[in-house]
Amino acid sequence: MLKEKLELKSENFDAVRTLDPETKIRMILEIFDIGPDKDQNGQRKENFIKLMGKYRERVVAHGASRTPDSTITSSEITAIGSSDKYKKELHNQIMEILRTMSISLGLSKDQRLLAEYLVRNRDEVERLIIYYFTGKYPVKVTTRSEYLKTKEPLDSLSSKPGPEEE
């Protein structure tokens, strides 16, 4: 057992890093099915999904105010700060669950490796949560031109007439 832990610590994460997000999420959620009590397993999984949902709500609420070159009022800065604190608390709860998973018994080598990889990569966890609820893997935007490119598909949709306008 000690040898297995040493191998895991030195293992390269490429095997799980390159998995598609759907597979990563499926593997993590399957960990909840390992316990002997199926009802309790289902409840834990449901609670984890609800926690991820709360976190995603905070990401959406916080992200709306963080656009390049936006003008933010002082009251919005205060709201963002408190929102950010709650978001961090939720993320820490999710990370603690993943940390517990990474040391759980009964995991396959790939599940253990994925859980350990996620424990070490907070940004990846956020992207997976967003993917779980939206079906889209988010891309980090760092410049105004990148931000405007993400807005183009939305702008083209809003300029098209709806069925009631045709």
Protein backbone atom coordinates (compact mmCIF):
# COMPACT_ATOMS: atom_id res chain seq x y z
CA MET A 1 0.00 0.00 0.00
CA LEU A 2 2.83 2.41 0.84
CA LYS A 3 4.45 1.59 -2.51
CA GLU A 4 1.17 2.41 -4.30
CA LYS A 5 1.04 5.85 -2.63
CA LEU A 6 4.65 6.57 -3.60
CA GLU A 7 3.95 5.58 -7.20
CA LEU A 8 0.90 7.85 -7.28
CA LYS A 9 2.84 10.84 -5.96
CA SER A 10 5.48 10.50 -8.67
CA GLU A 11 3.04 9.55 -11.42
CA ASN A 12 2.65 11.78 -14.44
CA PHE A 13 -0.86 13.24 -14.68
CA ASP A 14 -0.91 13.21 -18.51
CA ALA A 15 -3.17 10.15 -18.51
CA VAL A 16 -5.99 12.05 -16.77
CA ARG A 17 -5.15 15.59 -17.87
CA THR A 18 -5.98 14.72 -21.48
CA LEU A 19 -9.33 13.05 -20.73
CA ASP A 20 -12.35 14.88 -22.06
CA PRO A 21 -14.33 16.79 -19.41
CA GLU A 22 -17.35 14.47 -19.64
CA THR A 23 -15.17 11.46 -18.77
CA LYS A 24 -13.55 13.31 -15.86
CA ILE A 25 -16.93 14.22 -14.39
CA ARG A 26 -18.31 10.71 -14.90
CA MET A 27 -15.27 9.19 -13.17
CA ILE A 28 -15.61 11.52 -10.17
CA LEU A 29 -19.35 10.93 -9.81
CA GLU A 30 -18.81 7.15 -10.04
CA ILE A 31 -16.66 7.36 -6.91
CA PHE A 32 -19.85 8.11 -4.97
CA ASP A 33 -21.20 4.67 -5.99
CA ILE A 34 -18.37 2.74 -4.28
CA GLY A 35 -19.80 2.66 -0.74
CA PRO A 36 -21.92 -0.25 0.49
CA ASP A 37 -25.08 1.79 1.22
CA LYS A 38 -26.67 2.72 -2.13
CA ASP A 39 -29.13 5.20 -0.59
CA GLN A 40 -26.38 7.00 1.28
CA ASN A 41 -24.19 6.97 -1.85
CA GLY A 42 -27.00 8.55 -3.88
CA GLN A 43 -27.60 11.20 -1.23
CA ARG A 44 -23.90 12.10 -1.09
CA LYS A 45 -23.74 12.36 -4.88
CA GLU A 46 -26.86 14.52 -4.93
CA ASN A 47 -25.40 16.81 -2.24
CA PHE A 48 -22.15 17.11 -4.19
CA ILE A 49 -24.03 18.05 -7.36
CA LYS A 50 -26.05 20.66 -5.42
CA LEU A 51 -22.81 22.08 -4.00
CA MET A 52 -21.38 22.31 -7.51
CA GLY A 53 -24.59 24.05 -8.61
CA LYS A 54 -24.27 26.66 -5.87
CA TYR A 55 -20.67 27.20 -6.88
CA ARG A 56 -21.62 27.63 -10.54
CA GLU A 57 -24.23 30.22 -9.56
CA ARG A 58 -21.49 32.19 -7.80
CA VAL A 59 -19.20 31.89 -10.83
CA VAL A 60 -21.93 33.26 -13.08
CA ALA A 61 -22.82 36.07 -10.67
CA HIS A 62 -19.19 37.01 -10.13
CA GLY A 63 -18.12 36.59 -13.77
CA ALA A 64 -20.75 38.98 -15.09
CA SER A 65 -18.95 41.88 -13.43
CA ARG A 66 -15.47 40.88 -14.55
CA THR A 67 -15.44 41.90 -18.18
CA PRO A 68 -12.44 43.71 -19.68
CA ASP A 69 -12.71 47.51 -19.55
CA SER A 70 -15.94 47.42 -17.55
CA THR A 71 -16.80 50.29 -15.28
CA ILE A 72 -17.62 49.01 -11.83
CA THR A 73 -19.14 51.17 -9.11
CA SER A 74 -17.90 51.04 -5.52
CA SER A 75 -21.08 49.24 -4.39
CA GLU A 76 -20.47 46.60 -7.07
CA ILE A 77 -16.89 46.16 -5.84
CA THR A 78 -18.23 45.45 -2.34
CA ALA A 79 -20.75 42.96 -3.74
CA ILE A 80 -18.04 41.26 -5.80
CA GLY A 81 -15.81 40.97 -2.74
CA SER A 82 -18.49 39.27 -0.65
CA SER A 83 -19.57 37.13 -3.58
CA ASP A 84 -15.97 36.13 -4.14
CA LYS A 85 -15.61 35.12 -0.48
CA TYR A 86 -18.70 32.87 -0.65
CA LYS A 87 -17.51 31.44 -3.98
CA LYS A 88 -14.14 30.63 -2.40
CA GLU A 89 -15.84 28.92 0.57
CA LEU A 90 -17.90 26.75 -1.80
CA HIS A 91 -14.83 25.93 -3.87
CA ASN A 92 -12.92 24.97 -0.73
CA GLN A 93 -15.75 22.60 0.26
CA ILE A 94 -15.61 20.95 -3.17
CA MET A 95 -11.82 20.69 -2.99
CA GLU A 96 -12.06 19.07 0.46
CA ILE A 97 -14.46 16.45 -0.90
CA LEU A 98 -12.06 15.75 -3.78
CA ARG A 99 -9.14 15.54 -1.32
CA THR A 100 -11.07 12.99 0.74
CA MET A 101 -11.86 11.05 -2.43
CA SER A 102 -8.19 10.97 -3.41
CA ILE A 103 -7.33 9.02 -0.25
CA SER A 104 -10.40 6.78 -0.26
CA LEU A 105 -10.14 3.02 -0.44
CA GLY A 106 -11.64 1.08 -3.31
CA LEU A 107 -10.80 3.52 -6.10
CA SER A 108 -9.37 2.38 -9.37
CA LYS A 109 -5.90 3.67 -10.19
CA ASP A 110 -7.39 6.10 -12.75
CA GLN A 111 -10.00 7.42 -10.30
CA ARG A 112 -7.34 7.98 -7.65
CA LEU A 113 -5.05 9.67 -10.17
CA LEU A 114 -7.87 11.94 -11.41
CA ALA A 115 -8.92 12.90 -7.87
CA GLU A 116 -5.29 13.69 -6.99
CA TYR A 117 -4.89 15.71 -10.20
CA LEU A 118 -8.02 17.74 -9.43
CA VAL A 119 -6.90 18.35 -5.84
CA ARG A 120 -3.77 19.96 -7.29
CA ASN A 121 -5.59 21.95 -9.97
CA ARG A 122 -8.33 24.28 -8.67
CA ASP A 123 -8.86 25.96 -12.05
CA GLU A 124 -9.57 22.63 -13.70
CA VAL A 125 -12.20 21.89 -11.04
CA GLU A 126 -13.95 25.18 -11.81
CA ARG A 127 -13.90 24.46 -15.55
CA LEU A 128 -15.34 20.97 -14.98
CA ILE A 129 -18.15 22.35 -12.83
CA ILE A 130 -19.07 24.87 -15.50
CA TYR A 131 -18.92 22.13 -18.13
CA TYR A 132 -21.20 19.89 -16.04
CA PHE A 133 -23.96 22.51 -16.06
CA THR A 134 -23.48 24.10 -19.47
CA GLY A 135 -21.98 21.37 -21.66
CA LYS A 136 -19.28 23.86 -22.69
CA TYR A 137 -15.69 23.85 -21.51
CA PRO A 138 -14.88 27.46 -20.54
CA VAL A 139 -11.89 29.24 -21.99
CA LYS A 140 -9.99 31.81 -19.96
CA VAL A 141 -10.21 35.29 -21.46
CA THR A 142 -7.37 37.68 -20.65
CA THR A 143 -7.65 40.47 -23.24
CA ARG A 144 -10.43 42.69 -24.51
CA SER A 145 -10.12 41.25 -28.05
CA GLU A 146 -10.51 37.69 -26.71
CA TYR A 147 -13.54 38.82 -24.71
CA LEU A 148 -15.12 40.43 -27.76
CA LYS A 149 -14.63 37.20 -29.74
CA THR A 150 -16.64 35.32 -27.12
CA LYS A 151 -19.42 37.90 -27.42
CA GLU A 152 -19.70 37.63 -31.24
CA PRO A 153 -21.86 34.48 -31.27
CA LEU A 154 -24.21 36.05 -28.72
CA ASP A 155 -24.44 39.30 -30.69
CA SER A 156 -25.32 37.44 -33.89
CA LEU A 157 -28.09 35.56 -32.06
CA SER A 158 -29.59 38.71 -30.59
CA SER A 159 -29.75 40.38 -34.02
CA LYS A 160 -31.77 37.53 -35.57
CA PRO A 161 -35.54 37.87 -35.42
CA GLY A 162 -37.37 35.47 -33.15
CA PRO A 163 -40.26 33.33 -34.39
CA GLU A 164 -42.81 35.89 -33.25
CA GLU A 165 -41.00 38.70 -35.15
CA GLU A 166 -40.82 36.95 -38.56
